[in-house]
Amino acid sequence: MSWAGFGFRPSSWAVGAVEGYALLMRVAMCKARAAAMTSLGARFARLSLAAGASVWLAGCPRHDPEPQRAAPGPVTAQPTLRSTSQPPASARISSGPLDAAPDAGPSLALADAARPRAASSAPRTIYFAWRPPGSNARIYAATEPEDQHRLVLPGAVARGGRYPVVIAFHGQPKRGQAPRDYAFVHTVTETVLPLVERGEVEPLVLALPVFRFEGREWPDFDLARFADEVARRLGAEGISISGFLLFGHSAAAGCGGRGLNEAARIHPRAVGFFDTCVGPGFGQAVRALRRDHIPTLLMHSVETAGFRPRQPKEYMPDFDFGRVYRPLGLEPTACPEQLPEAPLRPLDFRCAADPEGTTRALVVDTGQGQEAHDGLIPVGVRYFLRQYAARAAAP
């Protein structure tokens, strides 16, 4: 119907008033129908009359409720994206205060974001007793699991996988001390696990051999046979080995005995010496590794044990390590772009290398005395693994 059919033209005011009234009536009708639908909703549902209801409400506009938004909570700082998953808090091992200041290096955030990883389970530890053939039973005695050798498997290590094994050698423990109380074992474990959890280094297995000190360092230890035993234990878990990396601290090398002094025997991917003794065994080990073109990292801070002539003190922050490095074929060189989290000492040989760059050395300032000597452990472990076991970036 139009107004023209009645023979007159209404004013725009009259048209607006009538159309507005019609709209109000339509809205009221839709609200009434909607109220009726609400009260009869259950019946319509039981009688499968949803289609009829849609026709009955045809022409009425939809008014879906606004989605409910949670009230804003306190803003918390988000960690840098490095891993797409974390094991339960109860299963994680704290990395300690030094882990808050990692050495500078390429961020893996974008790589991890582009390549999400499967959720990791909690780390687990395999304890096992083993002693080298012909060795003193007391030195490798381990009736309690906590005093035995350990294989630490981060949550990312899974059955059916192939992973590198990192063998870590402790220094000289106190006479009569039980392996369960060795600070080195706990420090290394608490340093390595967060690196794997955050995706900074590739998934790996940490092997921690131990011995009891009775006057000699790593007596009769057979690295090749220990590696075979590790392979056998992991094989029982359905895990194969892609290669070995080795590092040690203090008397792990250069103070007699075997231990890291025989690192070249199993042709590892890389070897790290962290404030180790610098006696003849150390020099022989470094030369053997260089001869086999095995990447080797020497990091010292204060340790002078084994040097001849003997120094006034064992721990000397101002010792000229050029007297150790130069006979091994190393010379001062430009420092690498990526450095440890601790500063370097202002010495000529603070950065040194052989002509091929296979063997590198850094003199790190971790303080003085025993504290400096022990403080190099987490610094060295993080730098070594970031350099030689870094997780490959996404293609």
Protein backbone atom coordinates (compact mmCIF):
# COMPACT_ATOMS: atom_id res chain seq x y z
CA MET A 1 0.00 0.00 0.00
CA SER A 2 1.16 3.52 -0.69
CA TRP A 3 -0.06 6.87 0.46
CA ALA A 4 -0.51 7.96 -3.17
CA GLY A 5 -3.41 5.46 -3.53
CA PHE A 6 -5.52 7.62 -1.19
CA GLY A 7 -5.05 10.68 -3.38
CA PHE A 8 -2.80 12.75 -1.14
CA ARG A 9 0.91 13.09 -0.26
CA PRO A 10 1.59 12.98 3.45
CA SER A 11 4.19 15.09 5.09
CA SER A 12 7.57 13.53 5.85
CA TRP A 13 6.79 13.96 9.55
CA ALA A 14 3.65 11.80 9.32
CA VAL A 15 5.45 9.07 7.35
CA GLY A 16 8.23 8.93 9.92
CA ALA A 17 5.80 8.74 12.83
CA VAL A 18 3.82 5.89 11.30
CA GLU A 19 6.91 3.89 10.24
CA GLY A 20 8.49 4.40 13.67
CA TYR A 21 5.32 3.10 15.32
CA ALA A 22 5.36 0.03 13.03
CA LEU A 23 8.98 -0.69 13.95
CA LEU A 24 8.23 -0.49 17.68
CA MET A 25 5.33 -2.90 17.25
CA ARG A 26 7.59 -5.35 15.34
CA VAL A 27 10.26 -5.30 18.07
CA ALA A 28 7.64 -5.86 20.77
CA MET A 29 6.22 -8.80 18.83
CA CYS A 30 9.70 -10.37 18.45
CA LYS A 31 10.42 -10.01 22.15
CA ALA A 32 7.13 -11.65 23.00
CA ARG A 33 7.83 -14.55 20.63
CA ALA A 34 11.34 -14.94 22.05
CA ALA A 35 9.99 -15.06 25.60
CA ALA A 36 7.50 -17.69 24.56
CA MET A 37 10.27 -19.72 22.91
CA THR A 38 12.33 -19.60 26.09
CA SER A 39 9.52 -21.01 28.21
CA LEU A 40 8.68 -23.68 25.61
CA GLY A 41 12.29 -24.46 24.62
CA ALA A 42 12.34 -27.85 26.29
CA ARG A 43 9.10 -28.89 24.63
CA PHE A 44 10.27 -27.72 21.21
CA ALA A 45 13.48 -29.70 21.69
CA ARG A 46 11.65 -32.90 22.72
CA LEU A 47 9.21 -32.63 19.79
CA SER A 48 11.95 -31.79 17.23
CA LEU A 49 10.11 -28.56 16.37
CA ALA A 50 13.23 -26.46 15.99
CA ALA A 51 12.50 -25.93 12.31
CA GLY A 52 8.99 -24.70 13.03
CA ALA A 53 10.33 -22.38 15.69
CA SER A 54 12.72 -20.85 13.19
CA VAL A 55 9.79 -20.09 10.88
CA TRP A 56 7.76 -18.65 13.74
CA LEU A 57 10.62 -16.27 14.57
CA ALA A 58 11.39 -15.46 10.95
CA GLY A 59 11.89 -11.76 10.34
CA CYS A 60 13.06 -11.09 13.88
CA PRO A 61 16.67 -9.93 14.12
CA ARG A 62 19.29 -12.06 16.11
CA HIS A 63 20.61 -10.68 19.35
CA ASP A 64 23.32 -13.18 20.44
CA PRO A 65 24.74 -12.44 23.88
CA GLU A 66 28.20 -10.87 24.05
CA PRO A 67 30.91 -13.40 24.91
CA GLN A 68 31.90 -13.23 28.55
CA ARG A 69 35.42 -11.87 29.04
CA ALA A 70 37.47 -12.77 32.07
CA ALA A 71 38.35 -9.88 34.30
CA PRO A 72 41.92 -8.76 33.61
CA GLY A 73 44.40 -10.29 36.06
CA PRO A 74 47.80 -9.09 37.13
CA VAL A 75 50.32 -8.81 34.30
CA THR A 76 53.26 -11.20 34.69
CA ALA A 77 56.53 -11.11 32.80
CA GLN A 78 56.73 -13.78 30.10
CA PRO A 79 59.99 -15.72 29.67
CA THR A 80 61.84 -15.60 26.38
CA LEU A 81 60.39 -18.24 24.08
CA ARG A 82 62.84 -21.10 23.93
CA SER A 83 60.83 -24.24 24.44
CA THR A 84 57.29 -25.15 23.62
CA SER A 85 56.91 -27.39 26.65
CA GLN A 86 58.07 -27.77 30.23
CA PRO A 87 57.94 -30.79 32.54
CA PRO A 88 55.94 -30.41 35.73
CA ALA A 89 57.46 -28.02 38.24
CA SER A 90 57.98 -30.86 40.67
CA ALA A 91 60.13 -32.67 38.11
CA ARG A 92 62.27 -29.73 37.05
CA ILE A 93 65.68 -29.12 38.55
CA SER A 94 66.62 -25.51 39.25
CA SER A 95 69.51 -24.16 37.21
CA GLY A 96 70.92 -22.06 40.04
CA PRO A 97 71.62 -18.35 40.20
CA LEU A 98 74.33 -18.29 37.52
CA ASP A 99 71.85 -19.52 34.93
CA ALA A 100 70.13 -16.13 35.01
CA ALA A 101 72.99 -14.59 33.01
CA PRO A 102 73.73 -16.84 30.02
CA ASP A 103 76.49 -15.99 27.63
CA ALA A 104 75.49 -14.06 24.55
CA GLY A 105 74.56 -16.21 21.60
CA PRO A 106 72.02 -16.51 18.80
CA SER A 107 68.51 -16.74 20.15
CA LEU A 108 66.65 -19.92 19.25
CA ALA A 109 63.24 -18.41 19.93
CA LEU A 110 62.20 -18.14 16.28
CA ALA A 111 63.51 -21.57 15.45
CA ASP A 112 61.61 -23.16 18.32
CA ALA A 113 58.45 -21.22 17.48
CA ALA A 114 58.59 -22.45 13.88
CA ARG A 115 59.28 -26.02 14.93
CA PRO A 116 57.17 -27.00 17.96
CA ARG A 117 58.43 -30.01 19.86
CA ALA A 118 56.45 -32.79 21.48
CA ALA A 119 55.80 -32.41 25.17
CA SER A 120 58.67 -33.65 27.31
CA SER A 121 58.34 -35.95 30.26
CA ALA A 122 60.20 -35.45 33.53
CA PRO A 123 63.94 -36.18 33.62
CA ARG A 124 64.99 -39.51 35.08
CA THR A 125 68.22 -40.98 36.40
CA ILE A 126 69.58 -44.48 35.91
CA TYR A 127 72.00 -45.59 38.63
CA PHE A 128 74.38 -48.45 37.93
CA ALA A 129 77.37 -50.11 39.54
CA TRP A 130 80.47 -50.76 37.43
CA ARG A 131 84.18 -50.86 37.99
CA PRO A 132 87.07 -51.21 35.57
CA PRO A 133 88.55 -54.72 35.30
CA GLY A 134 91.35 -55.20 37.80
CA SER A 135 90.52 -52.04 39.77
CA ASN A 136 90.32 -51.67 43.54
CA ALA A 137 86.84 -52.71 44.66
CA ARG A 138 86.83 -50.14 47.50
CA ILE A 139 87.46 -47.21 45.13
CA TYR A 140 84.51 -48.09 42.93
CA ALA A 141 82.36 -49.56 45.69
CA ALA A 142 78.73 -48.51 45.33
CA THR A 143 76.25 -50.68 47.16
CA GLU A 144 73.73 -47.83 47.47
CA PRO A 145 72.26 -46.41 44.23
CA GLU A 146 73.02 -42.81 45.26
CA ASP A 147 76.75 -43.65 45.24
CA GLN A 148 76.75 -45.31 41.84
CA HIS A 149 77.50 -44.01 38.36
CA ARG A 150 74.58 -42.09 36.83
CA LEU A 151 72.92 -41.67 33.49
CA VAL A 152 70.68 -38.61 33.51
CA LEU A 153 68.02 -38.63 30.79
CA PRO A 154 66.26 -35.29 30.17
CA GLY A 155 62.57 -35.48 29.38
CA ALA A 156 63.25 -34.97 25.67
CA VAL A 157 65.18 -38.25 25.47
CA ALA A 158 62.78 -40.97 24.41
CA ARG A 159 62.89 -44.67 23.69
CA GLY A 160 63.81 -45.39 20.08
CA GLY A 161 65.83 -42.18 19.78
CA ARG A 162 69.49 -41.59 18.94
CA TYR A 163 71.32 -39.06 21.09
CA PRO A 164 74.84 -37.88 21.99
CA VAL A 165 76.22 -38.84 25.39
CA VAL A 166 78.12 -36.27 27.46
CA ILE A 167 80.54 -37.87 29.94
CA ALA A 168 81.49 -35.52 32.81
CA PHE A 169 84.51 -36.24 35.04
CA HIS A 170 84.66 -34.80 38.55
CA GLY A 171 87.86 -33.67 40.24
CA GLN A 172 89.47 -34.87 43.46
CA PRO A 173 86.90 -35.56 46.18
CA LYS A 174 87.71 -35.58 49.88
CA ARG A 175 89.12 -38.76 51.30
CA GLY A 176 86.26 -40.81 52.74
CA GLN A 177 83.55 -38.73 51.05
CA ALA A 178 80.63 -40.62 49.50
CA PRO A 179 79.88 -39.98 45.80
CA ARG A 180 76.32 -38.95 46.63
CA ASP A 181 77.80 -35.83 48.25
CA TYR A 182 80.02 -34.76 45.34
CA ALA A 183 79.08 -31.18 44.52
CA PHE A 184 80.26 -31.61 40.92
CA VAL A 185 77.62 -34.25 40.19
CA HIS A 186 74.78 -32.03 41.35
CA THR A 187 76.15 -28.81 39.81
CA VAL A 188 76.57 -30.39 36.39
CA THR A 189 73.13 -32.01 36.46
CA GLU A 190 71.48 -28.76 37.51
CA THR A 191 73.32 -26.93 34.73
CA VAL A 192 72.73 -29.34 31.85
CA LEU A 193 69.01 -30.09 32.30
CA PRO A 194 67.78 -26.49 31.85
CA LEU A 195 69.86 -26.14 28.67
CA VAL A 196 68.04 -29.13 27.19
CA GLU A 197 64.63 -28.08 28.55
CA ARG A 198 64.95 -24.62 26.99
CA GLY A 199 66.05 -26.11 23.67
CA GLU A 200 69.44 -24.38 23.76
CA VAL A 201 71.27 -27.64 23.18
CA GLU A 202 70.20 -30.82 21.46
CA PRO A 203 68.62 -33.58 23.56
CA LEU A 204 71.42 -35.60 25.12
CA VAL A 205 72.25 -38.11 27.82
CA LEU A 206 74.50 -37.03 30.70
CA ALA A 207 76.83 -39.73 32.06
CA LEU A 208 78.47 -39.13 35.46
CA PRO A 209 81.08 -41.70 36.47
CA VAL A 210 82.40 -41.54 40.05
CA PHE A 211 85.21 -42.97 42.18
CA ARG A 212 86.23 -42.77 45.85
CA PHE A 213 89.50 -41.00 46.54
CA GLU A 214 92.25 -42.98 48.28
CA GLY A 215 95.28 -41.03 47.11
CA ARG A 216 95.07 -41.41 43.31
CA GLU A 217 92.96 -39.77 40.61
CA TRP A 218 90.71 -42.02 38.52
CA PRO A 219 92.84 -45.11 39.22
CA ASP A 220 92.63 -47.85 36.58
CA PHE A 221 89.64 -46.13 34.96
CA ASP A 222 89.05 -47.43 31.43
CA LEU A 223 87.18 -44.85 29.36
CA ALA A 224 86.59 -47.15 26.39
CA ARG A 225 85.06 -49.87 28.55
CA PHE A 226 82.97 -47.34 30.45
CA ALA A 227 81.61 -46.03 27.12
CA ASP A 228 80.73 -49.62 26.17
CA GLU A 229 78.90 -50.06 29.47
CA VAL A 230 76.97 -46.83 28.89
CA ALA A 231 75.98 -48.03 25.42
CA ARG A 232 74.81 -51.35 26.87
CA ARG A 233 72.71 -49.66 29.58
CA LEU A 234 71.11 -47.26 27.12
CA GLY A 235 70.50 -50.08 24.65
CA ALA A 236 68.38 -51.77 27.31
CA GLU A 237 66.30 -48.56 27.34
CA GLY A 238 65.89 -48.62 23.57
CA ILE A 239 68.27 -45.66 23.11
CA SER A 240 71.22 -45.55 20.72
CA ILE A 241 74.26 -43.24 20.84
CA SER A 242 75.15 -40.79 18.07
CA GLY A 243 78.52 -39.84 19.57
CA PHE A 244 80.33 -38.75 22.73
CA LEU A 245 81.31 -35.39 24.19
CA LEU A 246 83.60 -35.22 27.23
CA PHE A 247 84.50 -32.62 29.82
CA GLY A 248 86.11 -32.59 33.22
CA HIS A 249 87.12 -30.31 36.08
CA SER A 250 90.15 -29.96 38.31
CA ALA A 251 91.94 -33.31 38.83
CA ALA A 252 89.89 -34.97 36.08
CA ALA A 253 93.05 -34.37 34.01
CA GLY A 254 96.65 -33.33 34.51
CA CYS A 255 97.10 -34.58 38.08
CA GLY A 256 97.91 -38.20 37.34
CA GLY A 257 95.54 -41.09 36.90
CA ARG A 258 93.49 -41.74 33.81
CA GLY A 259 90.05 -40.11 33.51
CA LEU A 260 90.03 -37.29 30.97
CA ASN A 261 93.74 -37.83 30.29
CA GLU A 262 92.67 -40.57 27.87
CA ALA A 263 89.91 -38.62 26.15
CA ALA A 264 91.17 -39.38 22.64
CA ARG A 265 90.63 -43.14 23.09
CA ILE A 266 86.95 -43.01 22.12
CA HIS A 267 87.27 -40.31 19.39
CA PRO A 268 84.70 -37.92 20.91
CA ARG A 269 82.99 -35.10 19.05
CA ALA A 270 84.51 -32.50 21.40
CA VAL A 271 86.33 -32.27 24.73
CA GLY A 272 86.37 -29.55 27.40
CA PHE A 273 88.95 -29.01 30.18
CA PHE A 274 87.60 -26.72 32.94
CA ASP A 275 90.31 -25.41 35.29
CA THR A 276 91.97 -28.81 35.20
CA CYS A 277 95.42 -29.54 36.50
CA VAL A 278 98.09 -28.71 33.92
CA GLY A 279 100.59 -31.52 34.54
CA PRO A 280 102.07 -33.89 31.93
CA GLY A 281 98.84 -35.91 31.47
CA PHE A 282 97.00 -32.74 30.50
CA GLY A 283 99.56 -31.84 27.84
CA GLN A 284 99.59 -35.37 26.42
CA ALA A 285 95.79 -35.42 26.24
CA VAL A 286 95.56 -32.07 24.44
CA ARG A 287 98.24 -33.05 21.92
CA ALA A 288 96.53 -36.37 21.20
CA LEU A 289 93.19 -34.64 20.61
CA ARG A 290 94.80 -32.07 18.32
CA ARG A 291 96.56 -34.81 16.37
CA ASP A 292 93.18 -36.48 15.79
CA HIS A 293 91.56 -33.14 14.85
CA ILE A 294 89.07 -33.34 17.73
CA PRO A 295 87.66 -29.92 18.76
CA THR A 296 89.02 -29.08 22.19
CA LEU A 297 88.21 -26.23 24.59
CA LEU A 298 90.56 -25.25 27.42
CA MET A 299 89.07 -22.93 30.03
CA HIS A 300 91.15 -21.93 33.03
CA SER A 301 90.75 -19.44 35.86
CA VAL A 302 93.14 -20.13 38.74
CA GLU A 303 94.33 -23.77 38.73
CA THR A 304 98.13 -24.30 38.51
CA ALA A 305 98.49 -27.80 40.02
CA GLY A 306 100.89 -29.93 37.99
CA PHE A 307 102.82 -27.00 36.53
CA ARG A 308 106.60 -27.13 36.78
CA PRO A 309 108.19 -25.35 38.49
CA ARG A 310 105.59 -25.59 41.21
CA GLN A 311 103.87 -22.29 41.91
CA PRO A 312 103.68 -20.58 45.34
CA LYS A 313 99.95 -21.22 45.47
CA GLU A 314 97.69 -23.70 43.70
CA TYR A 315 95.07 -21.09 42.82
CA MET A 316 96.57 -17.97 41.19
CA PRO A 317 94.26 -15.46 39.46
CA ASP A 318 97.21 -13.70 37.82
CA PHE A 319 99.01 -16.81 36.57
CA ASP A 320 100.30 -16.51 32.99
CA PHE A 321 98.60 -19.44 31.26
CA GLY A 322 100.66 -18.70 28.18
CA ARG A 323 103.32 -20.78 29.95
CA VAL A 324 100.91 -23.73 29.62
CA TYR A 325 99.31 -23.01 26.27
CA ARG A 326 102.33 -22.01 24.17
CA PRO A 327 104.13 -25.38 24.57
CA LEU A 328 100.91 -26.99 23.24
CA GLY A 329 101.12 -24.95 20.03
CA LEU A 330 98.65 -22.24 21.00
CA GLU A 331 99.19 -18.52 20.50
CA PRO A 332 97.15 -15.42 21.41
CA THR A 333 94.35 -14.78 18.95
CA ALA A 334 91.33 -12.53 18.48
CA CYS A 335 88.61 -13.45 20.95
CA PRO A 336 85.54 -15.18 19.50
CA GLU A 337 82.31 -13.26 19.04
CA GLN A 338 80.52 -15.48 21.54
CA LEU A 339 82.17 -15.51 24.94
CA PRO A 340 81.38 -17.15 28.27
CA GLU A 341 79.04 -15.41 30.69
CA ALA A 342 81.99 -14.57 32.97
CA PRO A 343 84.53 -11.94 31.85
CA LEU A 344 88.00 -12.82 30.62
CA ARG A 345 91.09 -12.02 32.64
CA PRO A 346 93.23 -9.17 31.21
CA LEU A 347 96.07 -11.47 30.13
CA ASP A 348 97.85 -11.90 26.79
CA PHE A 349 96.62 -15.51 26.48
CA ARG A 350 93.04 -14.79 27.57
CA CYS A 351 92.08 -15.98 24.06
CA ALA A 352 94.38 -18.45 22.32
CA ALA A 353 94.19 -21.10 19.64
CA ASP A 354 96.28 -23.36 17.45
CA PRO A 355 96.74 -22.38 13.77
CA GLU A 356 93.93 -24.70 12.67
CA GLY A 357 91.50 -23.46 15.32
CA THR A 358 90.90 -27.02 16.51
CA THR A 359 92.14 -26.29 20.05
CA ARG A 360 90.93 -23.08 21.68
CA ALA A 361 91.68 -21.62 25.09
CA LEU A 362 90.05 -18.96 27.27
CA VAL A 363 91.23 -17.59 30.63
CA VAL A 364 88.06 -16.68 32.54
CA ASP A 365 87.74 -14.43 35.58
CA THR A 366 85.49 -16.24 38.03
CA GLY A 367 87.11 -14.66 41.09
CA GLN A 368 89.79 -15.99 43.39
CA GLY A 369 90.64 -19.12 45.33
CA GLN A 370 88.46 -22.19 45.68
CA GLU A 371 85.35 -20.18 44.83
CA ALA A 372 86.81 -19.22 41.46
CA HIS A 373 87.94 -22.78 40.82
CA ASP A 374 84.48 -24.26 41.49
CA GLY A 375 82.68 -21.32 39.89
CA LEU A 376 84.11 -22.25 36.51
CA ILE A 377 82.10 -25.49 36.41
CA PRO A 378 78.68 -24.08 35.43
CA VAL A 379 80.27 -21.34 33.32
CA GLY A 380 82.36 -23.86 31.42
CA VAL A 381 79.58 -26.43 31.00
CA ARG A 382 77.15 -23.90 29.55
CA TYR A 383 79.69 -22.40 27.17
CA PHE A 384 81.02 -25.79 26.05
CA LEU A 385 77.59 -27.26 25.29
CA ARG A 386 76.36 -24.10 23.57
CA GLN A 387 79.42 -24.24 21.33
CA TYR A 388 79.56 -27.96 20.56
CA ALA A 389 76.07 -29.33 21.20
CA ALA A 390 73.86 -26.44 20.12
CA ARG A 391 70.46 -27.37 18.81
CA ALA A 392 70.34 -27.05 15.02
CA ALA A 393 68.23 -24.13 13.79
CA ALA A 394 65.09 -24.85 11.77
CA PRO A 395 65.72 -24.86 7.99
